């Protein structure tokens, strides 16, 4: 087993070595070269998010890397003092446009047997003029992150960069969860079902991980499908019965790419109605037989003790 500290060091150094990354391939290749004992796979990339950036002047020279820290230091807690200082200069606030690349490596036969690596790709761009003669923010918080302020064209400020956000052994994460955790049950259902016959849980799902509220140092996680934008919808009104229902769930599985996929998406998405599972269970308790025995056992357990995640 590779030591987590070594994994993190190798990935962090690989990120620092890549200049002006274009696409996921150079990132994947650089990290794979440093970790030949793992078979890394790009699961998905999440984009469309940003963070506050820093401050630059009219010529693009760096004034500050972190606008909040800079504003607090310059103002001394007095927003009027800060605005007075800035009335004599022309500065610009920046933002960090981000993408998160999820790389995974399967380490064993179970759903929890994997390593998940989150790489952030950040591009600093111009966001707005830092002041306006007709704008009077009420506080430092309003100054650094105004809700309604004219935005500039997002002209790049410097080169994009890569940062290791998080590296997690999923089995360690699951071991830290409470015995009654819904995520633990979700993964156990995967291992008991025909979905386990696919190329691996981590090729179809990533875990959106965050700090657990109220529990310092503890992590919380939720499964997110790799094909999040391609999942078919099966709302209440479209749930069939009998042969029509069998065709629905098998068609869903074919579209998503593995057996029993409809069940796991029913647990995680409002697009797939819980009435689907109830209808399948009713069919299989009657005259129909269109699920493998192992899937039927999982479905029966859910019917007796429903859950979602």
Protein backbone atom coordinates (compact mmCIF):
# COMPACT_ATOMS: atom_id res chain seq x y z
CA UNK A 1 0.00 0.00 0.00
CA UNK A 2 1.34 3.41 -0.99
CA UNK A 3 1.75 5.85 1.88
CA UNK A 4 -0.75 8.74 1.63
CA UNK A 5 2.00 11.28 2.34
CA UNK A 6 3.99 10.03 -0.63
CA UNK A 7 0.91 10.10 -2.85
CA UNK A 8 0.18 13.69 -1.91
CA UNK A 9 3.78 14.77 -2.45
CA UNK A 10 4.00 13.15 -5.89
CA UNK A 11 0.70 14.65 -7.05
CA UNK A 12 1.54 18.12 -5.69
CA UNK A 13 4.93 18.09 -7.41
CA UNK A 14 3.37 16.90 -10.66
CA UNK A 15 0.92 19.80 -10.52
CA UNK A 16 3.74 22.29 -10.02
CA UNK A 17 5.67 20.85 -12.97
CA UNK A 18 2.90 21.44 -15.53
CA UNK A 19 2.94 24.80 -17.27
CA UNK A 20 -0.09 26.17 -19.13
CA UNK A 21 -2.14 22.95 -19.02
CA UNK A 22 -4.46 22.44 -21.98
CA UNK A 23 -6.97 19.67 -21.44
CA UNK A 24 -6.84 16.80 -18.99
CA UNK A 25 -4.35 14.57 -20.82
CA UNK A 26 -1.09 16.33 -19.80
CA UNK A 27 -2.30 16.42 -16.19
CA UNK A 28 -3.19 12.74 -16.16
CA UNK A 29 0.06 11.75 -17.88
CA UNK A 30 2.25 13.77 -15.49
CA UNK A 31 0.64 12.28 -12.38
CA UNK A 32 0.54 8.75 -13.82
CA UNK A 33 4.27 8.94 -14.60
CA UNK A 34 4.98 9.60 -10.92
CA UNK A 35 2.61 6.89 -9.68
CA UNK A 36 3.14 3.93 -12.04
CA UNK A 37 1.77 1.47 -9.46
CA UNK A 38 -1.71 3.03 -9.84
CA UNK A 39 -3.97 2.86 -12.87
CA UNK A 40 -5.34 6.40 -12.94
CA UNK A 41 -8.55 7.32 -14.73
CA UNK A 42 -10.09 10.74 -15.37
CA UNK A 43 -13.61 10.42 -13.96
CA UNK A 44 -15.00 13.92 -14.52
CA UNK A 45 -14.34 17.67 -14.43
CA UNK A 46 -16.60 20.13 -12.64
CA UNK A 47 -16.41 23.75 -13.76
CA UNK A 48 -18.34 26.98 -13.48
CA UNK A 49 -17.09 28.01 -10.05
CA UNK A 50 -14.81 30.80 -8.93
CA UNK A 51 -13.16 32.32 -5.86
CA UNK A 52 -12.17 35.82 -4.89
CA UNK A 53 -8.77 36.75 -6.24
CA UNK A 54 -6.41 39.63 -5.55
CA UNK A 55 -5.69 43.20 -6.63
CA UNK A 56 -3.69 44.53 -9.59
CA UNK A 57 -2.98 48.02 -10.88
CA UNK A 58 -3.63 49.55 -14.30
CA UNK A 59 -0.45 47.98 -15.71
CA UNK A 60 -1.24 44.54 -14.34
CA UNK A 61 1.29 44.75 -11.52
CA UNK A 62 0.41 42.75 -8.43
CA UNK A 63 -0.82 44.78 -5.47
CA UNK A 64 -2.16 41.89 -3.39
CA UNK A 65 -2.87 38.18 -3.83
CA UNK A 66 -5.83 38.07 -1.44
CA UNK A 67 -8.27 40.94 -1.67
CA UNK A 68 -9.94 40.25 1.69
CA UNK A 69 -6.70 40.25 3.70
CA UNK A 70 -5.47 43.32 1.82
CA UNK A 71 -8.72 45.27 2.34
CA UNK A 72 -8.81 44.49 6.05
CA UNK A 73 -5.18 45.56 6.49
CA UNK A 74 -5.53 48.75 4.43
CA UNK A 75 -8.78 49.85 6.05
CA UNK A 76 -7.97 49.12 9.67
CA UNK A 77 -11.64 48.18 9.93
CA UNK A 78 -12.86 51.54 8.57
CA UNK A 79 -14.46 51.26 5.11
CA UNK A 80 -14.45 55.04 4.65
CA UNK A 81 -10.69 55.14 5.28
CA UNK A 82 -10.18 52.47 2.61
CA UNK A 83 -12.32 54.31 0.04
CA UNK A 84 -10.40 57.53 0.70
CA UNK A 85 -7.07 55.77 0.03
CA UNK A 86 -8.37 54.23 -3.18
CA UNK A 87 -9.75 57.51 -4.53
CA UNK A 88 -6.23 58.38 -5.72
CA UNK A 89 -5.37 55.12 -7.53
CA UNK A 90 -6.85 52.88 -10.20
CA UNK A 91 -6.87 49.27 -9.09
CA UNK A 92 -8.73 46.20 -10.26
CA UNK A 93 -10.08 43.21 -8.38
CA UNK A 94 -9.47 39.77 -9.83
CA UNK A 95 -11.20 36.42 -9.47
CA UNK A 96 -10.00 32.86 -9.80
CA UNK A 97 -12.04 30.91 -12.35
CA UNK A 98 -11.83 27.26 -11.45
CA UNK A 99 -12.25 23.71 -12.64
CA UNK A 100 -11.94 20.61 -10.48
CA UNK A 101 -10.54 17.51 -12.16
CA UNK A 102 -11.40 14.21 -10.46
CA UNK A 103 -8.86 11.44 -10.99
CA UNK A 104 -9.52 7.99 -9.56
CA UNK A 105 -7.66 4.72 -9.19
CA UNK A 106 -9.27 1.42 -8.27
CA UNK A 107 -7.33 -0.42 -5.54
CA UNK A 108 -9.50 -3.49 -4.90
CA UNK A 109 -12.76 -5.31 -5.70
CA UNK A 110 -15.14 -3.34 -3.46
CA UNK A 111 -16.83 -0.01 -4.18
CA UNK A 112 -14.83 1.61 -1.39
CA UNK A 113 -11.51 0.34 -2.75
CA UNK A 114 -10.28 3.41 -4.60
CA UNK A 115 -8.25 6.59 -4.35
CA UNK A 116 -9.81 9.89 -5.38
CA UNK A 117 -7.64 12.84 -6.34
CA UNK A 118 -9.07 16.34 -6.79
CA UNK A 119 -6.97 18.75 -8.86
CA UNK A 120 -7.97 22.40 -9.10
CA UNK A 121 -7.12 24.29 -12.27
CA UNK A 122 -7.22 28.02 -11.56
CA UNK A 123 -7.05 30.96 -13.94
CA UNK A 124 -6.86 34.45 -12.47
CA UNK A 125 -8.80 37.00 -14.54
CA UNK A 126 -9.81 40.63 -14.23
CA UNK A 127 -13.17 40.93 -12.49
CA UNK A 128 -14.02 44.61 -11.88
CA UNK A 129 -12.74 48.06 -11.10
CA UNK A 130 -12.18 48.12 -7.39
CA UNK A 131 -14.15 51.35 -6.85
CA UNK A 132 -16.77 53.49 -8.53
CA UNK A 133 -17.64 57.14 -7.75
CA UNK A 134 -21.30 56.25 -7.34
CA UNK A 135 -20.77 53.11 -5.24
CA UNK A 136 -20.60 53.24 -1.45
CA UNK A 137 -20.17 49.78 0.13
CA UNK A 138 -21.52 49.36 3.66
CA UNK A 139 -18.76 47.08 4.93
CA UNK A 140 -15.48 45.38 4.06
CA UNK A 141 -17.44 42.25 3.13
CA UNK A 142 -19.57 44.25 0.71
CA UNK A 143 -16.43 45.86 -0.70
CA UNK A 144 -14.54 42.64 -1.45
CA UNK A 145 -17.54 40.72 -2.83
CA UNK A 146 -20.32 43.06 -4.01
CA UNK A 147 -23.54 41.47 -5.21
CA UNK A 148 -24.23 43.95 -7.99
CA UNK A 149 -21.26 45.60 -9.66
CA UNK A 150 -20.31 46.06 -13.36
CA UNK A 151 -17.94 43.28 -14.46
CA UNK A 152 -15.02 43.56 -16.85
CA UNK A 153 -14.10 41.22 -19.67
CA UNK A 154 -12.31 38.33 -17.92
CA UNK A 155 -8.85 39.08 -19.29
CA UNK A 156 -6.28 36.60 -17.92
CA UNK A 157 -3.85 37.77 -15.28
CA UNK A 158 -0.88 35.42 -15.52
CA UNK A 159 -0.85 31.74 -16.47
CA UNK A 160 -3.26 29.07 -15.25
CA UNK A 161 -2.03 26.91 -12.39
CA UNK A 162 -2.80 23.56 -10.85
CA UNK A 163 -3.25 22.81 -7.16
CA UNK A 164 -3.83 19.56 -5.33
CA UNK A 165 -7.13 20.13 -3.56
CA UNK A 166 -7.61 16.76 -1.90
CA UNK A 167 -6.41 13.16 -2.04
CA UNK A 168 -8.56 10.61 -0.25
CA UNK A 169 -8.46 6.86 0.21
CA UNK A 170 -12.15 6.13 0.00
CA UNK A 171 -11.91 3.06 2.26
CA UNK A 172 -10.40 5.26 5.00
CA UNK A 173 -13.20 7.79 4.53
CA UNK A 174 -15.89 5.10 4.78
CA UNK A 175 -14.25 3.59 7.86
CA UNK A 176 -14.55 6.99 9.58
CA UNK A 177 -18.32 7.19 9.02
CA UNK A 178 -20.99 6.20 11.52
CA UNK A 179 -22.21 2.61 11.27
CA UNK A 180 -25.63 3.81 10.07
CA UNK A 181 -24.25 6.07 7.37
CA UNK A 182 -26.35 6.20 4.22
CA UNK A 183 -23.18 6.42 2.11
CA UNK A 184 -21.87 3.24 3.72
CA UNK A 185 -25.16 1.49 2.88
CA UNK A 186 -25.08 2.90 -0.67
CA UNK A 187 -21.65 1.37 -1.31
CA UNK A 188 -22.63 -1.91 0.32
CA UNK A 189 -25.69 -2.06 -1.96
CA UNK A 190 -23.37 -1.61 -4.94
CA UNK A 191 -21.18 -4.52 -3.84
CA UNK A 192 -24.21 -6.79 -3.30
CA UNK A 193 -25.81 -5.95 -6.65
CA UNK A 194 -25.07 -6.68 -10.30
CA UNK A 195 -23.61 -3.16 -10.60
CA UNK A 196 -20.46 -4.65 -9.04
CA UNK A 197 -19.91 -6.55 -12.30
CA UNK A 198 -19.03 -3.25 -14.04
CA UNK A 199 -15.49 -1.85 -14.31
CA UNK A 200 -15.77 -0.29 -10.86
CA UNK A 201 -17.77 2.15 -8.76
CA UNK A 202 -15.18 4.92 -9.13
CA UNK A 203 -15.55 4.83 -12.94
CA UNK A 204 -19.24 5.75 -12.61
CA UNK A 205 -19.35 7.90 -9.46
CA UNK A 206 -17.17 10.37 -7.58
CA UNK A 207 -17.69 11.55 -4.03
CA UNK A 208 -18.34 15.26 -3.45
CA UNK A 209 -16.42 15.71 -0.21
CA UNK A 210 -16.66 18.60 2.25
CA UNK A 211 -15.85 19.37 5.84
CA UNK A 212 -18.56 18.02 8.15
CA UNK A 213 -20.44 20.89 9.81
CA UNK A 214 -19.89 20.90 13.56
CA UNK A 215 -17.29 18.13 13.47
CA UNK A 216 -13.82 19.55 13.01
CA UNK A 217 -11.58 17.32 10.93
CA UNK A 218 -14.45 15.04 9.87
CA UNK A 219 -15.47 14.76 6.24
CA UNK A 220 -18.91 14.30 4.73
CA UNK A 221 -19.43 12.95 1.23
CA UNK A 222 -22.20 12.50 -1.33
CA UNK A 223 -22.10 10.37 -4.49
CA UNK A 224 -22.16 12.33 -7.75
CA UNK A 225 -22.63 10.48 -11.07
CA UNK A 226 -19.88 10.93 -13.64
CA UNK A 227 -22.54 11.30 -16.35
CA UNK A 228 -24.52 13.82 -14.31
CA UNK A 229 -25.79 15.70 -17.39
CA UNK A 230 -26.77 12.56 -19.31
CA UNK A 231 -29.01 10.77 -16.81
CA UNK A 232 -32.50 10.06 -18.18
CA UNK A 233 -35.43 11.33 -16.14
CA UNK A 234 -38.13 8.98 -14.86
CA UNK A 235 -40.65 11.11 -12.93
CA UNK A 236 -43.76 9.72 -11.23
CA UNK A 237 -46.02 10.16 -14.25
CA UNK A 238 -43.74 8.12 -16.52
CA UNK A 239 -43.34 5.02 -14.34
CA UNK A 240 -44.89 2.09 -16.22
CA UNK A 241 -45.79 -1.41 -15.02
CA UNK A 242 -45.12 -4.93 -16.22
CA UNK A 243 -43.23 -5.36 -19.49
CA UNK A 244 -43.22 -1.60 -20.01
CA UNK A 245 -41.50 -1.09 -16.66
CA UNK A 246 -38.94 -3.81 -17.42
CA UNK A 247 -38.12 -2.05 -20.68
CA UNK A 248 -37.81 1.28 -18.84
CA UNK A 249 -35.29 0.14 -16.27
CA UNK A 250 -33.24 -1.96 -18.71
CA UNK A 251 -33.19 0.94 -21.17
CA UNK A 252 -32.04 3.24 -18.35
CA UNK A 253 -29.22 0.82 -17.49
CA UNK A 254 -28.07 0.60 -21.12
CA UNK A 255 -28.00 4.37 -21.45
CA UNK A 256 -26.00 4.87 -18.25
CA UNK A 257 -23.70 1.93 -18.89
CA UNK A 258 -24.07 -0.67 -16.13
CA UNK A 259 -26.57 -3.04 -14.52
CA UNK A 260 -28.99 -1.79 -11.83
CA UNK A 261 -28.05 1.82 -12.56
CA UNK A 262 -31.67 2.97 -12.19
CA UNK A 263 -31.64 1.92 -8.53
CA UNK A 264 -28.58 3.99 -7.57
CA UNK A 265 -29.82 7.05 -9.43
CA UNK A 266 -33.20 6.64 -7.74
CA UNK A 267 -31.34 6.92 -4.42
CA UNK A 268 -29.49 10.10 -5.37
CA UNK A 269 -31.60 12.09 -7.84
CA UNK A 270 -35.06 13.62 -7.81
CA UNK A 271 -35.16 13.00 -11.55
CA UNK A 272 -35.73 9.30 -10.85
CA UNK A 273 -38.86 8.69 -8.79
CA UNK A 274 -38.88 6.43 -5.72
CA UNK A 275 -42.14 5.12 -7.15
CA UNK A 276 -39.99 3.35 -9.72
CA UNK A 277 -38.53 1.07 -7.04
CA UNK A 278 -41.95 0.55 -5.49
CA UNK A 279 -43.42 -0.42 -8.88
CA UNK A 280 -40.55 -2.81 -9.67
CA UNK A 281 -40.92 -4.43 -6.24
CA UNK A 282 -44.68 -4.87 -6.76
CA UNK A 283 -44.07 -6.45 -10.19
CA UNK A 284 -41.49 -8.89 -8.86
CA UNK A 285 -43.74 -9.93 -5.99
CA UNK A 286 -46.33 -10.81 -8.65
CA UNK A 287 -46.01 -12.51 -12.01
CA UNK A 288 -42.87 -10.83 -13.34
CA UNK A 289 -39.22 -11.83 -13.10
CA UNK A 290 -36.86 -9.37 -14.78
CA UNK A 291 -34.18 -8.71 -12.12
CA UNK A 292 -31.26 -10.91 -11.07
CA UNK A 293 -31.71 -12.52 -7.66
CA UNK A 294 -28.94 -10.40 -6.11
CA UNK A 295 -30.62 -7.18 -7.25
CA UNK A 296 -33.98 -8.37 -6.00
CA UNK A 297 -32.50 -8.90 -2.51
CA UNK A 298 -31.15 -5.35 -2.48
CA UNK A 299 -34.49 -4.00 -3.66
CA UNK A 300 -36.40 -5.97 -1.01
CA UNK A 301 -34.15 -4.55 1.71
CA UNK A 302 -34.77 -1.03 0.41
CA UNK A 303 -38.53 -1.63 0.30
CA UNK A 304 -38.51 -2.73 3.94
CA UNK A 305 -36.23 0.14 5.02
CA UNK A 306 -36.22 2.92 2.34
CA UNK A 307 -33.45 5.51 2.21
CA UNK A 308 -32.01 8.13 -0.09
CA UNK A 309 -28.75 10.02 -0.15
